[in-house]
Every structure is written in structure tokens, then in C-alpha cells.
């Protein structure tokens, strides 16, 4: 199925299919019987909505900006309808059936490392975009930035509690059962004067990670919350030495690499800036080249949470975080 749309009236979110649009699905976000191809050029899109990651039958997603529209807009001959996407969330990897992604002519400074895990993705158009320039390097092979550490070596208690509550025990990551939060508490969590208040940031985090878990005031604008990109969902640490999948909500460190190819894409048409995130300090050391060779797997120096905190027990009482 191939879906095209008229320009959207809002800069955020995705437009609906017109009434005269022929489609196998009853709505843009409905479930089609076959694969879904979506073309959204020139729709003034700045942010990608969470609903997009539920389209598991999505095969083709085009978010590019037409170069001609950009040129005409610069001469004020046409109102700007360009897409201006500056951030591609890691949740793009939830689109397991995506085979083609075009996000050229936007405002990306980097792409998430999760994009490299999409094994069915064979067509990827990322240029041009204003990617972060390559870091200087005298080593052959992959170019790797220095590590930027965020916060202290031990994650905050609220982060540790969230990692426990948002774990999905057993099953695969896609078909996993409910999170521990959903298993232990009746949702949505109650609010009001009779209940312990939950901070706006935590409400936003829960609303993003477990939709419907709490009454949310809606996503803040970019002007209201400069950290809006800090929480987009539950992520998995890429460190290969973790015995089991280690999840995080807020990462503890980040690094950049500059890639000319992905595992299933031989050439990207240039060096692409890729951002990696680790759940603890030392998790991204595996990116370091060894003796000028290709990047190998090395033992992480990160500490296990169980080594630095006592066990945390949750009971079915009022939920609160300090």
C-alpha cells in the first residue's frame, strides 16, 4: 500500500489520509493487511510521534524534504512546507519490517545506533543532513569520539527504580508480557490531593514508557522543556558483555562513531554520525579500536547495579519517588 498526503496544518505529528485516499486500512494508523508505504515529503514535520512506532507492518518511510521546495522557500516564492526533523528517536528500531528509510534534507546531527540493528533495512538515504563533523583521528578503521559521561558513576535511585519497574520479564522484547509496573499496580496511577504527588518529569517519563499508566498533561513544547529528547522510551544498552539485556531510561554515557556502512548496507554514501548510549559508565568502552584493528568486543568496566545498591522491593502501595 502506498500512502501520500497533503501538507499538514501542524509542525508536529503525522497527517491523516484524505477522505478520497484509497487505502487497505480504515485510517492512517490502522492495521493494513499487507505492508504499508508512507511518503510524507513537505509536511512541516519537526517531531515524530510515538504512534509511528506501532506501525509494525511499515515497509517504506520517506520523510525527506524536496530540494526544490527548499530553494523556492528561500526565495519567498512558496511558503515553507519542508520537514525539519532534527532528532530520529531510537524507537525507529521498533519498525522491524522497515526495508527503506529516506530522511534526507532534514536537520539531523546524528542517527541512533539502534538504526544499525534493523536487519531488514536495506535502503537508507541520509544525505544531505548537517551531521556532526568527524572527530580527528590518527587510527585506521572506525572513528570514535571521546566518551561523554552524564551524571555520577552510580545511577540515580529514581533511575534504578524505573529500570526495575519498566522491565518486561520473560518472553522476547517485542512479545514480552507486561512490565512490573503494570503487574503490580492498577493503572492509570491515581492522582489528586489524596495521593502523593508525582513530579511533572516523572509523569512524562511514565506516559512515554508505558502509555496509559498515568494521566499526562501532554508532551511539552521544545521551548518549554529543553530535555524533551531525553526520554523517548525504554532503551537497551548495546554493550555485548551484558549477560542479559540491560535496560535504561536515562543513559549514563554517550559516544559518537562515524560510519561509512551498516551491517546490512554496504555503502551509506558518506560518513554518518552515529550516537551510542550506555546504561552505566564504562559500557561504551567496547567501541575502542584495539591496536588499530576493527572494533572488537572487550570486557566492560561498568558496575552491575546489584554491586552498588541494596535490593529494592516494591509493594502494592502508593507509588512515589524522591
C-alpha atoms as a PDB file:
ATOM      1  CA  UNK A   1       0.000   0.000   0.000  1.00  0.00           C
ATOM      2  CA  UNK A   2       1.360   3.430  -0.947  1.00  0.00           C
ATOM      3  CA  UNK A   3       0.120   6.421   1.021  1.00  0.00           C
ATOM      4  CA  UNK A   4       0.644  10.055   0.092  1.00  0.00           C
ATOM      5  CA  UNK A   5      -0.717  13.013   1.982  1.00  0.00           C
ATOM      6  CA  UNK A   6      -1.402  16.693   1.620  1.00  0.00           C
ATOM      7  CA  UNK A   7       0.724  19.113   3.691  1.00  0.00           C
ATOM      8  CA  UNK A   8      -0.085  19.023   7.367  1.00  0.00           C
ATOM      9  CA  UNK A   9      -1.505  22.022   9.199  1.00  0.00           C
ATOM     10  CA  UNK A  10       0.753  21.462  12.208  1.00  0.00           C
ATOM     11  CA  UNK A  11       4.505  21.177  12.547  1.00  0.00           C
ATOM     12  CA  UNK A  12       4.278  18.169  14.862  1.00  0.00           C
ATOM     13  CA  UNK A  13       2.687  14.789  14.357  1.00  0.00           C
ATOM     14  CA  UNK A  14       1.702  12.975  11.193  1.00  0.00           C
ATOM     15  CA  UNK A  15      -1.154  13.944   8.867  1.00  0.00           C
ATOM     16  CA  UNK A  16      -4.195  11.793   8.243  1.00  0.00           C
ATOM     17  CA  UNK A  17      -5.028  10.169   4.956  1.00  0.00           C
ATOM     18  CA  UNK A  18      -7.524  12.228   2.962  1.00  0.00           C
ATOM     19  CA  UNK A  19     -11.116  11.049   2.590  1.00  0.00           C
ATOM     20  CA  UNK A  20     -10.591  10.288  -1.073  1.00  0.00           C
ATOM     21  CA  UNK A  21      -7.379   8.361  -0.458  1.00  0.00           C
ATOM     22  CA  UNK A  22      -7.653   4.690  -1.351  1.00  0.00           C
ATOM     23  CA  UNK A  23      -6.190   2.515   1.338  1.00  0.00           C
ATOM     24  CA  UNK A  24      -6.336  -1.033   2.646  1.00  0.00           C
ATOM     25  CA  UNK A  25      -6.643   0.467   6.119  1.00  0.00           C
ATOM     26  CA  UNK A  26      -9.525   2.412   7.654  1.00  0.00           C
ATOM     27  CA  UNK A  27      -7.147   5.112   8.938  1.00  0.00           C
ATOM     28  CA  UNK A  28      -3.534   6.202   8.637  1.00  0.00           C
ATOM     29  CA  UNK A  29      -2.630   4.492  11.905  1.00  0.00           C
ATOM     30  CA  UNK A  30      -4.816   1.445  11.307  1.00  0.00           C
ATOM     31  CA  UNK A  31      -3.522  -2.044  10.654  1.00  0.00           C
ATOM     32  CA  UNK A  32      -3.280  -2.913   6.975  1.00  0.00           C
ATOM     33  CA  UNK A  33      -3.390  -6.471   5.710  1.00  0.00           C
ATOM     34  CA  UNK A  34      -0.238  -6.006   3.685  1.00  0.00           C
ATOM     35  CA  UNK A  35       2.847  -3.809   4.025  1.00  0.00           C
ATOM     36  CA  UNK A  36       2.469  -0.070   4.476  1.00  0.00           C
ATOM     37  CA  UNK A  37       4.432   2.523   2.462  1.00  0.00           C
ATOM     38  CA  UNK A  38       4.270   6.096   3.772  1.00  0.00           C
ATOM     39  CA  UNK A  39       5.528   9.207   1.926  1.00  0.00           C
ATOM     40  CA  UNK A  40       5.481  12.435   3.951  1.00  0.00           C
ATOM     41  CA  UNK A  41       7.585  14.891   1.999  1.00  0.00           C
ATOM     42  CA  UNK A  42       6.823  18.582   2.571  1.00  0.00           C
ATOM     43  CA  UNK A  43       4.551  18.188   5.612  1.00  0.00           C
ATOM     44  CA  UNK A  44       6.304  20.601   8.010  1.00  0.00           C
ATOM     45  CA  UNK A  45       7.178  17.727  10.356  1.00  0.00           C
ATOM     46  CA  UNK A  46       9.604  18.545  13.170  1.00  0.00           C
ATOM     47  CA  UNK A  47       8.992  15.672  15.569  1.00  0.00           C
ATOM     48  CA  UNK A  48       7.957  12.066  15.012  1.00  0.00           C
ATOM     49  CA  UNK A  49       5.009  10.914  17.161  1.00  0.00           C
ATOM     50  CA  UNK A  50       5.027   7.808  19.324  1.00  0.00           C
ATOM     51  CA  UNK A  51       2.128   6.343  17.332  1.00  0.00           C
ATOM     52  CA  UNK A  52       4.515   5.838  14.422  1.00  0.00           C
ATOM     53  CA  UNK A  53       6.392   3.074  16.245  1.00  0.00           C
ATOM     54  CA  UNK A  54       3.198   0.989  16.430  1.00  0.00           C
ATOM     55  CA  UNK A  55       3.114   0.533  12.651  1.00  0.00           C
ATOM     56  CA  UNK A  56       4.824  -2.852  12.669  1.00  0.00           C
ATOM     57  CA  UNK A  57       3.833  -3.509   9.047  1.00  0.00           C
ATOM     58  CA  UNK A  58       5.543  -0.323   7.816  1.00  0.00           C
ATOM     59  CA  UNK A  59       7.911  -1.153   4.942  1.00  0.00           C
ATOM     60  CA  UNK A  60       8.799   2.216   3.412  1.00  0.00           C
ATOM     61  CA  UNK A  61       9.033   5.550   5.247  1.00  0.00           C
ATOM     62  CA  UNK A  62      10.011   8.699   3.345  1.00  0.00           C
ATOM     63  CA  UNK A  63      10.471  11.867   5.391  1.00  0.00           C
ATOM     64  CA  UNK A  64      12.770  13.699   3.011  1.00  0.00           C
ATOM     65  CA  UNK A  65      12.390  17.349   2.121  1.00  0.00           C
ATOM     66  CA  UNK A  66      12.128  18.152  -1.563  1.00  0.00           C
ATOM     67  CA  UNK A  67      15.199  20.229  -2.534  1.00  0.00           C
ATOM     68  CA  UNK A  68      13.085  22.301  -4.974  1.00  0.00           C
ATOM     69  CA  UNK A  69      10.688  23.296  -2.179  1.00  0.00           C
ATOM     70  CA  UNK A  70      13.644  24.415  -0.070  1.00  0.00           C
ATOM     71  CA  UNK A  71      15.037  26.536  -2.903  1.00  0.00           C
ATOM     72  CA  UNK A  72      11.667  28.151  -3.656  1.00  0.00           C
ATOM     73  CA  UNK A  73      11.092  28.830   0.021  1.00  0.00           C
ATOM     74  CA  UNK A  74      14.442  30.594   0.260  1.00  0.00           C
ATOM     75  CA  UNK A  75      13.300  32.980  -2.468  1.00  0.00           C
ATOM     76  CA  UNK A  76       9.956  33.505  -0.682  1.00  0.00           C
ATOM     77  CA  UNK A  77       8.059  32.232  -3.672  1.00  0.00           C
ATOM     78  CA  UNK A  78       6.484  29.447  -1.657  1.00  0.00           C
ATOM     79  CA  UNK A  79       5.508  29.084   1.999  1.00  0.00           C
ATOM     80  CA  UNK A  80       7.868  26.688   3.691  1.00  0.00           C
ATOM     81  CA  UNK A  81       6.381  23.202   3.922  1.00  0.00           C
ATOM     82  CA  UNK A  82       9.719  21.498   4.446  1.00  0.00           C
ATOM     83  CA  UNK A  83      10.219  18.778   7.004  1.00  0.00           C
ATOM     84  CA  UNK A  84      12.702  19.901   9.652  1.00  0.00           C
ATOM     85  CA  UNK A  85      13.354  16.762  11.672  1.00  0.00           C
ATOM     86  CA  UNK A  86      16.345  17.289  13.962  1.00  0.00           C
ATOM     87  CA  UNK A  87      16.080  14.095  16.015  1.00  0.00           C
ATOM     88  CA  UNK A  88      15.483  10.481  14.994  1.00  0.00           C
ATOM     89  CA  UNK A  89      14.408   8.584  18.148  1.00  0.00           C
ATOM     90  CA  UNK A  90      15.965   5.211  18.985  1.00  0.00           C
ATOM     91  CA  UNK A  91      12.440   3.756  18.777  1.00  0.00           C
ATOM     92  CA  UNK A  92      12.865   3.710  14.989  1.00  0.00           C
ATOM     93  CA  UNK A  93      14.272   0.206  15.598  1.00  0.00           C
ATOM     94  CA  UNK A  94      10.783  -0.974  16.642  1.00  0.00           C
ATOM     95  CA  UNK A  95       9.810  -0.882  12.955  1.00  0.00           C
ATOM     96  CA  UNK A  96      11.077  -4.422  12.419  1.00  0.00           C
ATOM     97  CA  UNK A  97       9.705  -4.744   8.872  1.00  0.00           C
ATOM     98  CA  UNK A  98      11.074  -1.454   7.544  1.00  0.00           C
ATOM     99  CA  UNK A  99      13.114  -2.020   4.387  1.00  0.00           C
ATOM    100  CA  UNK A 100      13.537   1.570   3.151  1.00  0.00           C
ATOM    101  CA  UNK A 101      14.029   4.843   5.047  1.00  0.00           C
ATOM    102  CA  UNK A 102      14.590   8.234   3.427  1.00  0.00           C
ATOM    103  CA  UNK A 103      15.200  11.142   5.789  1.00  0.00           C
ATOM    104  CA  UNK A 104      17.436  13.252   3.567  1.00  0.00           C
ATOM    105  CA  UNK A 105      17.335  17.067   3.528  1.00  0.00           C
ATOM    106  CA  UNK A 106      16.321  17.405   7.169  1.00  0.00           C
ATOM    107  CA  UNK A 107      18.254  18.734  10.191  1.00  0.00           C
ATOM    108  CA  UNK A 108      19.760  15.594  11.684  1.00  0.00           C
ATOM    109  CA  UNK A 109      23.047  15.954  13.555  1.00  0.00           C
ATOM    110  CA  UNK A 110      23.287  12.218  14.205  1.00  0.00           C
ATOM    111  CA  UNK A 111      21.295   8.993  13.953  1.00  0.00           C
ATOM    112  CA  UNK A 112      20.804   6.485  16.801  1.00  0.00           C
ATOM    113  CA  UNK A 113      22.970   3.369  16.967  1.00  0.00           C
ATOM    114  CA  UNK A 114      19.724   1.372  17.148  1.00  0.00           C
ATOM    115  CA  UNK A 115      19.372   2.028  13.412  1.00  0.00           C
ATOM    116  CA  UNK A 116      22.257  -0.387  12.830  1.00  0.00           C
ATOM    117  CA  UNK A 117      20.231  -3.215  14.412  1.00  0.00           C
ATOM    118  CA  UNK A 118      17.479  -3.097  11.771  1.00  0.00           C
ATOM    119  CA  UNK A 119      18.381  -6.183   9.777  1.00  0.00           C
ATOM    120  CA  UNK A 120      15.629  -5.832   7.155  1.00  0.00           C
ATOM    121  CA  UNK A 121      16.602  -2.239   6.351  1.00  0.00           C
ATOM    122  CA  UNK A 122      18.425  -2.374   3.009  1.00  0.00           C
ATOM    123  CA  UNK A 123      17.746   1.110   1.592  1.00  0.00           C
ATOM    124  CA  UNK A 124      18.802   4.105   3.686  1.00  0.00           C
ATOM    125  CA  UNK A 125      19.049   7.683   2.399  1.00  0.00           C
ATOM    126  CA  UNK A 126      20.538  10.075   4.957  1.00  0.00           C
ATOM    127  CA  UNK A 127      22.321  12.712   2.874  1.00  0.00           C
ATOM    128  CA  UNK A 128      22.347  15.620   2.959  1.00  0.00           C
ATOM    129  CA  UNK A 129      21.937  16.419   6.674  1.00  0.00           C
ATOM    130  CA  UNK A 130      24.056  18.682   8.940  1.00  0.00           C
ATOM    131  CA  UNK A 131      25.801  15.793  10.715  1.00  0.00           C
ATOM    132  CA  UNK A 132      28.341  16.474  13.464  1.00  0.00           C
ATOM    133  CA  UNK A 133      31.778  16.643  11.771  1.00  0.00           C
ATOM    134  CA  UNK A 134      34.175  13.755  12.178  1.00  0.00           C
ATOM    135  CA  UNK A 135      36.421  13.779  15.229  1.00  0.00           C
ATOM    136  CA  UNK A 136      40.145  13.980  14.421  1.00  0.00           C
ATOM    137  CA  UNK A 137      41.759  10.558  14.460  1.00  0.00           C
ATOM    138  CA  UNK A 138      45.107   9.038  13.549  1.00  0.00           C
ATOM    139  CA  UNK A 139      43.889   5.440  13.893  1.00  0.00           C
ATOM    140  CA  UNK A 140      42.791   3.372  10.910  1.00  0.00           C
ATOM    141  CA  UNK A 141      39.308   1.917  10.879  1.00  0.00           C
ATOM    142  CA  UNK A 142      36.287   3.275  12.715  1.00  0.00           C
ATOM    143  CA  UNK A 143      36.448   6.842  14.013  1.00  0.00           C
ATOM    144  CA  UNK A 144      35.292   7.034  17.640  1.00  0.00           C
ATOM    145  CA  UNK A 145      34.742  10.110  19.783  1.00  0.00           C
ATOM    146  CA  UNK A 146      35.724  10.541  23.399  1.00  0.00           C
ATOM    147  CA  UNK A 147      33.191   9.361  25.973  1.00  0.00           C
ATOM    148  CA  UNK A 148      30.818  11.928  27.430  1.00  0.00           C
ATOM    149  CA  UNK A 149      29.726  10.847  30.887  1.00  0.00           C
ATOM    150  CA  UNK A 150      26.398  12.022  32.258  1.00  0.00           C
ATOM    151  CA  UNK A 151      25.854  12.208  35.999  1.00  0.00           C
ATOM    152  CA  UNK A 152      27.641  10.184  38.662  1.00  0.00           C
ATOM    153  CA  UNK A 153      29.025   6.675  38.252  1.00  0.00           C
ATOM    154  CA  UNK A 154      26.081   5.216  40.174  1.00  0.00           C
ATOM    155  CA  UNK A 155      22.684   5.891  38.511  1.00  0.00           C
ATOM    156  CA  UNK A 156      20.191   7.955  40.489  1.00  0.00           C
ATOM    157  CA  UNK A 157      17.839   5.998  42.725  1.00  0.00           C
ATOM    158  CA  UNK A 158      14.830   7.117  40.662  1.00  0.00           C
ATOM    159  CA  UNK A 159      16.528   5.776  37.519  1.00  0.00           C
ATOM    160  CA  UNK A 160      17.291   2.447  39.201  1.00  0.00           C
ATOM    161  CA  UNK A 161      13.675   2.186  40.360  1.00  0.00           C
ATOM    162  CA  UNK A 162      12.388   2.953  36.858  1.00  0.00           C
ATOM    163  CA  UNK A 163      14.682   0.325  35.317  1.00  0.00           C
ATOM    164  CA  UNK A 164      13.220  -2.256  37.694  1.00  0.00           C
ATOM    165  CA  UNK A 165       9.588  -1.182  37.270  1.00  0.00           C
ATOM    166  CA  UNK A 166       9.801  -0.979  33.467  1.00  0.00           C
ATOM    167  CA  UNK A 167      11.461  -4.362  32.998  1.00  0.00           C
ATOM    168  CA  UNK A 168       9.460  -6.872  30.959  1.00  0.00           C
ATOM    169  CA  UNK A 169      10.310 -10.279  32.448  1.00  0.00           C
ATOM    170  CA  UNK A 170      10.455 -13.382  30.263  1.00  0.00           C
ATOM    171  CA  UNK A 171       9.492 -13.544  26.592  1.00  0.00           C
ATOM    172  CA  UNK A 172      11.136 -11.674  23.744  1.00  0.00           C
ATOM    173  CA  UNK A 173      11.433  -7.899  23.773  1.00  0.00           C
ATOM    174  CA  UNK A 174       8.666  -7.479  21.170  1.00  0.00           C
ATOM    175  CA  UNK A 175       6.194 -10.054  22.513  1.00  0.00           C
ATOM    176  CA  UNK A 176       7.106  -9.548  26.150  1.00  0.00           C
ATOM    177  CA  UNK A 177       4.445  -9.596  28.874  1.00  0.00           C
ATOM    178  CA  UNK A 178       3.529  -6.575  30.942  1.00  0.00           C
ATOM    179  CA  UNK A 179       6.115  -4.527  32.776  1.00  0.00           C
ATOM    180  CA  UNK A 180       6.491  -4.959  36.521  1.00  0.00           C
ATOM    181  CA  UNK A 181       4.725  -1.618  36.912  1.00  0.00           C
ATOM    182  CA  UNK A 182       1.681  -2.963  35.064  1.00  0.00           C
ATOM    183  CA  UNK A 183       1.771  -6.205  37.019  1.00  0.00           C
ATOM    184  CA  UNK A 184       1.956  -4.602  40.446  1.00  0.00           C
ATOM    185  CA  UNK A 185      -0.235  -1.509  40.181  1.00  0.00           C
ATOM    186  CA  UNK A 186      -3.683  -0.719  38.853  1.00  0.00           C
ATOM    187  CA  UNK A 187      -3.279   1.745  36.025  1.00  0.00           C
ATOM    188  CA  UNK A 188      -3.606   4.598  35.444  1.00  0.00           C
ATOM    189  CA  UNK A 189      -1.926   5.586  38.666  1.00  0.00           C
ATOM    190  CA  UNK A 190      -4.239   7.725  40.814  1.00  0.00           C
ATOM    191  CA  UNK A 191      -3.555  11.433  41.177  1.00  0.00           C
ATOM    192  CA  UNK A 192      -5.069  14.196  43.270  1.00  0.00           C
ATOM    193  CA  UNK A 193      -4.890  15.656  46.759  1.00  0.00           C
ATOM    194  CA  UNK A 194      -5.327  12.267  48.433  1.00  0.00           C
ATOM    195  CA  UNK A 195      -2.240  10.808  46.754  1.00  0.00           C
ATOM    196  CA  UNK A 196       1.440  11.537  46.934  1.00  0.00           C
ATOM    197  CA  UNK A 197       2.309  13.953  44.107  1.00  0.00           C
ATOM    198  CA  UNK A 198       4.412  12.730  41.180  1.00  0.00           C
ATOM    199  CA  UNK A 199       6.711  15.232  39.516  1.00  0.00           C
ATOM    200  CA  UNK A 200       5.910  16.508  36.022  1.00  0.00           C
ATOM    201  CA  UNK A 201       9.121  14.956  34.646  1.00  0.00           C
ATOM    202  CA  UNK A 202       8.278  11.546  36.111  1.00  0.00           C
ATOM    203  CA  UNK A 203       4.700  11.754  34.825  1.00  0.00           C
ATOM    204  CA  UNK A 204       6.065  12.482  31.370  1.00  0.00           C
ATOM    205  CA  UNK A 205       8.527   9.572  31.630  1.00  0.00           C
ATOM    206  CA  UNK A 206       5.828   7.092  32.664  1.00  0.00           C
ATOM    207  CA  UNK A 207       3.439   8.341  29.980  1.00  0.00           C
ATOM    208  CA  UNK A 208       6.100   7.806  27.294  1.00  0.00           C
ATOM    209  CA  UNK A 209       7.404   4.441  28.514  1.00  0.00           C
ATOM    210  CA  UNK A 210       4.048   2.894  29.499  1.00  0.00           C
ATOM    211  CA  UNK A 211       1.253   4.713  27.633  1.00  0.00           C
ATOM    212  CA  UNK A 212      -1.889   4.918  29.720  1.00  0.00           C
ATOM    213  CA  UNK A 213      -0.061   4.401  33.015  1.00  0.00           C
ATOM    214  CA  UNK A 214      -0.743   7.917  34.251  1.00  0.00           C
ATOM    215  CA  UNK A 215      -2.833  10.959  33.409  1.00  0.00           C
ATOM    216  CA  UNK A 216      -0.431  13.105  31.403  1.00  0.00           C
ATOM    217  CA  UNK A 217      -0.682  16.792  30.589  1.00  0.00           C
ATOM    218  CA  UNK A 218       0.632  16.108  27.099  1.00  0.00           C
ATOM    219  CA  UNK A 219       4.140  16.485  25.671  1.00  0.00           C
ATOM    220  CA  UNK A 220       5.791  19.829  26.385  1.00  0.00           C
ATOM    221  CA  UNK A 221       6.910  22.042  23.543  1.00  0.00           C
ATOM    222  CA  UNK A 222      10.573  22.318  22.654  1.00  0.00           C
ATOM    223  CA  UNK A 223      10.587  25.800  24.171  1.00  0.00           C
ATOM    224  CA  UNK A 224       9.121  24.592  27.474  1.00  0.00           C
ATOM    225  CA  UNK A 225      11.362  21.575  28.001  1.00  0.00           C
ATOM    226  CA  UNK A 226      14.891  21.564  26.528  1.00  0.00           C
ATOM    227  CA  UNK A 227      15.268  17.919  27.650  1.00  0.00           C
ATOM    228  CA  UNK A 228      12.263  16.682  25.644  1.00  0.00           C
ATOM    229  CA  UNK A 229      14.583  14.347  23.698  1.00  0.00           C
ATOM    230  CA  UNK A 230      15.981  12.886  26.918  1.00  0.00           C
ATOM    231  CA  UNK A 231      13.130  10.388  27.312  1.00  0.00           C
ATOM    232  CA  UNK A 232      11.643   8.654  24.297  1.00  0.00           C
ATOM    233  CA  UNK A 233      11.108   5.194  25.753  1.00  0.00           C
ATOM    234  CA  UNK A 234      12.897   2.241  27.303  1.00  0.00           C
ATOM    235  CA  UNK A 235      16.247   1.504  25.650  1.00  0.00           C
ATOM    236  CA  UNK A 236      18.630  -1.464  25.711  1.00  0.00           C
ATOM    237  CA  UNK A 237      22.334  -0.970  26.393  1.00  0.00           C
ATOM    238  CA  UNK A 238      24.416  -2.073  23.353  1.00  0.00           C
ATOM    239  CA  UNK A 239      27.310  -3.435  25.436  1.00  0.00           C
ATOM    240  CA  UNK A 240      27.768  -7.032  24.211  1.00  0.00           C
ATOM    241  CA  UNK A 241      29.253  -8.208  27.521  1.00  0.00           C
ATOM    242  CA  UNK A 242      25.995  -7.797  29.431  1.00  0.00           C
ATOM    243  CA  UNK A 243      24.750 -11.284  30.279  1.00  0.00           C
ATOM    244  CA  UNK A 244      21.125 -10.228  29.881  1.00  0.00           C
ATOM    245  CA  UNK A 245      19.539  -7.213  28.243  1.00  0.00           C
ATOM    246  CA  UNK A 246      20.242  -4.200  30.426  1.00  0.00           C
ATOM    247  CA  UNK A 247      17.609  -1.501  30.020  1.00  0.00           C
ATOM    248  CA  UNK A 248      17.759   2.186  30.826  1.00  0.00           C
ATOM    249  CA  UNK A 249      15.576   5.270  30.557  1.00  0.00           C
ATOM    250  CA  UNK A 250      18.262   7.923  31.018  1.00  0.00           C
ATOM    251  CA  UNK A 251      21.670   6.918  29.688  1.00  0.00           C
ATOM    252  CA  UNK A 252      24.846   7.374  31.731  1.00  0.00           C
ATOM    253  CA  UNK A 253      27.284   7.991  28.890  1.00  0.00           C
ATOM    254  CA  UNK A 254      27.373   8.549  25.150  1.00  0.00           C
ATOM    255  CA  UNK A 255      29.841   8.375  22.278  1.00  0.00           C
ATOM    256  CA  UNK A 256      29.788   9.025  18.554  1.00  0.00           C
ATOM    257  CA  UNK A 257      31.148   6.976  15.702  1.00  0.00           C
ATOM    258  CA  UNK A 258      31.332   7.887  12.036  1.00  0.00           C
ATOM    259  CA  UNK A 259      30.184   5.022   9.851  1.00  0.00           C
ATOM    260  CA  UNK A 260      30.514   4.516   6.085  1.00  0.00           C
ATOM    261  CA  UNK A 261      28.399   1.362   6.107  1.00  0.00           C
ATOM    262  CA  UNK A 262      25.940  -0.551   8.288  1.00  0.00           C
ATOM    263  CA  UNK A 263      25.865  -4.340   8.802  1.00  0.00           C
ATOM    264  CA  UNK A 264      23.309  -4.851   6.011  1.00  0.00           C
ATOM    265  CA  UNK A 265      24.050  -1.744   3.923  1.00  0.00           C
ATOM    266  CA  UNK A 266      27.357  -1.784   2.086  1.00  0.00           C
ATOM    267  CA  UNK A 267      27.587   1.979   1.477  1.00  0.00           C
ATOM    268  CA  UNK A 268      25.807   4.938   3.082  1.00  0.00           C
ATOM    269  CA  UNK A 269      27.116   7.468   0.556  1.00  0.00           C
ATOM    270  CA  UNK A 270      29.409   9.126   3.104  1.00  0.00           C
ATOM    271  CA  UNK A 271      30.285   9.047   6.779  1.00  0.00           C
ATOM    272  CA  UNK A 272      27.212   9.126   9.018  1.00  0.00           C
ATOM    273  CA  UNK A 273      27.408  10.321  12.621  1.00  0.00           C
ATOM    274  CA  UNK A 274      26.011   7.627  14.942  1.00  0.00           C
ATOM    275  CA  UNK A 275      25.232   8.213  18.618  1.00  0.00           C
ATOM    276  CA  UNK A 276      25.709   5.347  21.091  1.00  0.00           C
ATOM    277  CA  UNK A 277      24.326   5.353  24.639  1.00  0.00           C
ATOM    278  CA  UNK A 278      25.358   3.234  27.617  1.00  0.00           C
ATOM    279  CA  UNK A 279      23.467   2.338  30.768  1.00  0.00           C
ATOM    280  CA  UNK A 280      26.483   2.884  33.071  1.00  0.00           C
ATOM    281  CA  UNK A 281      29.939   4.419  32.986  1.00  0.00           C
ATOM    282  CA  UNK A 282      32.288   2.178  31.017  1.00  0.00           C
ATOM    283  CA  UNK A 283      29.586   0.490  28.942  1.00  0.00           C
ATOM    284  CA  UNK A 284      30.775   2.035  25.669  1.00  0.00           C
ATOM    285  CA  UNK A 285      34.432   1.096  26.061  1.00  0.00           C
ATOM    286  CA  UNK A 286      33.782  -1.793  23.668  1.00  0.00           C
ATOM    287  CA  UNK A 287      33.775   0.765  20.847  1.00  0.00           C
ATOM    288  CA  UNK A 288      37.506   1.434  21.306  1.00  0.00           C
ATOM    289  CA  UNK A 289      39.639   0.025  18.470  1.00  0.00           C
ATOM    290  CA  UNK A 290      42.290  -2.456  19.574  1.00  0.00           C
ATOM    291  CA  UNK A 291      45.786  -1.940  18.164  1.00  0.00           C
ATOM    292  CA  UNK A 292      44.439  -0.222  15.074  1.00  0.00           C
ATOM    293  CA  UNK A 293      42.219  -3.150  14.190  1.00  0.00           C
ATOM    294  CA  UNK A 294      38.485  -3.201  13.687  1.00  0.00           C
ATOM    295  CA  UNK A 295      36.414  -2.646  16.778  1.00  0.00           C
ATOM    296  CA  UNK A 296      36.329  -5.754  18.958  1.00  0.00           C
ATOM    297  CA  UNK A 297      34.335  -6.810  21.988  1.00  0.00           C
ATOM    298  CA  UNK A 298      36.119  -6.027  25.246  1.00  0.00           C
ATOM    299  CA  UNK A 299      35.065  -6.607  28.785  1.00  0.00           C
ATOM    300  CA  UNK A 300      33.032  -3.723  30.189  1.00  0.00           C
ATOM    301  CA  UNK A 301      34.303  -1.834  33.226  1.00  0.00           C
ATOM    302  CA  UNK A 302      30.748  -0.855  34.138  1.00  0.00           C
ATOM    303  CA  UNK A 303      29.457  -1.853  37.546  1.00  0.00           C
ATOM    304  CA  UNK A 304      26.423  -4.021  37.964  1.00  0.00           C
ATOM    305  CA  UNK A 305      23.668  -2.194  39.798  1.00  0.00           C
ATOM    306  CA  UNK A 306      23.452  -5.120  42.228  1.00  0.00           C
ATOM    307  CA  UNK A 307      27.036  -4.389  43.271  1.00  0.00           C
ATOM    308  CA  UNK A 308      26.388  -0.827  44.374  1.00  0.00           C
ATOM    309  CA  UNK A 309      22.886  -0.786  45.856  1.00  0.00           C
ATOM    310  CA  UNK A 310      20.899  -2.964  48.156  1.00  0.00           C
ATOM    311  CA  UNK A 311      17.880  -4.803  46.710  1.00  0.00           C
ATOM    312  CA  UNK A 312      14.859  -2.568  46.083  1.00  0.00           C
ATOM    313  CA  UNK A 313      11.487  -4.047  46.977  1.00  0.00           C
ATOM    314  CA  UNK A 314       8.163  -2.715  45.673  1.00  0.00           C
ATOM    315  CA  UNK A 315       4.841  -3.331  47.320  1.00  0.00           C
ATOM    316  CA  UNK A 316       1.346  -2.689  46.043  1.00  0.00           C
ATOM    317  CA  UNK A 317       1.036   0.568  47.980  1.00  0.00           C
ATOM    318  CA  UNK A 318       1.124   4.205  46.847  1.00  0.00           C
ATOM    319  CA  UNK A 319       3.868   4.828  44.283  1.00  0.00           C
ATOM    320  CA  UNK A 320       6.233   7.717  44.793  1.00  0.00           C
ATOM    321  CA  UNK A 321       9.772   8.759  44.048  1.00  0.00           C
ATOM    322  CA  UNK A 322      12.061  11.095  45.960  1.00  0.00           C
END
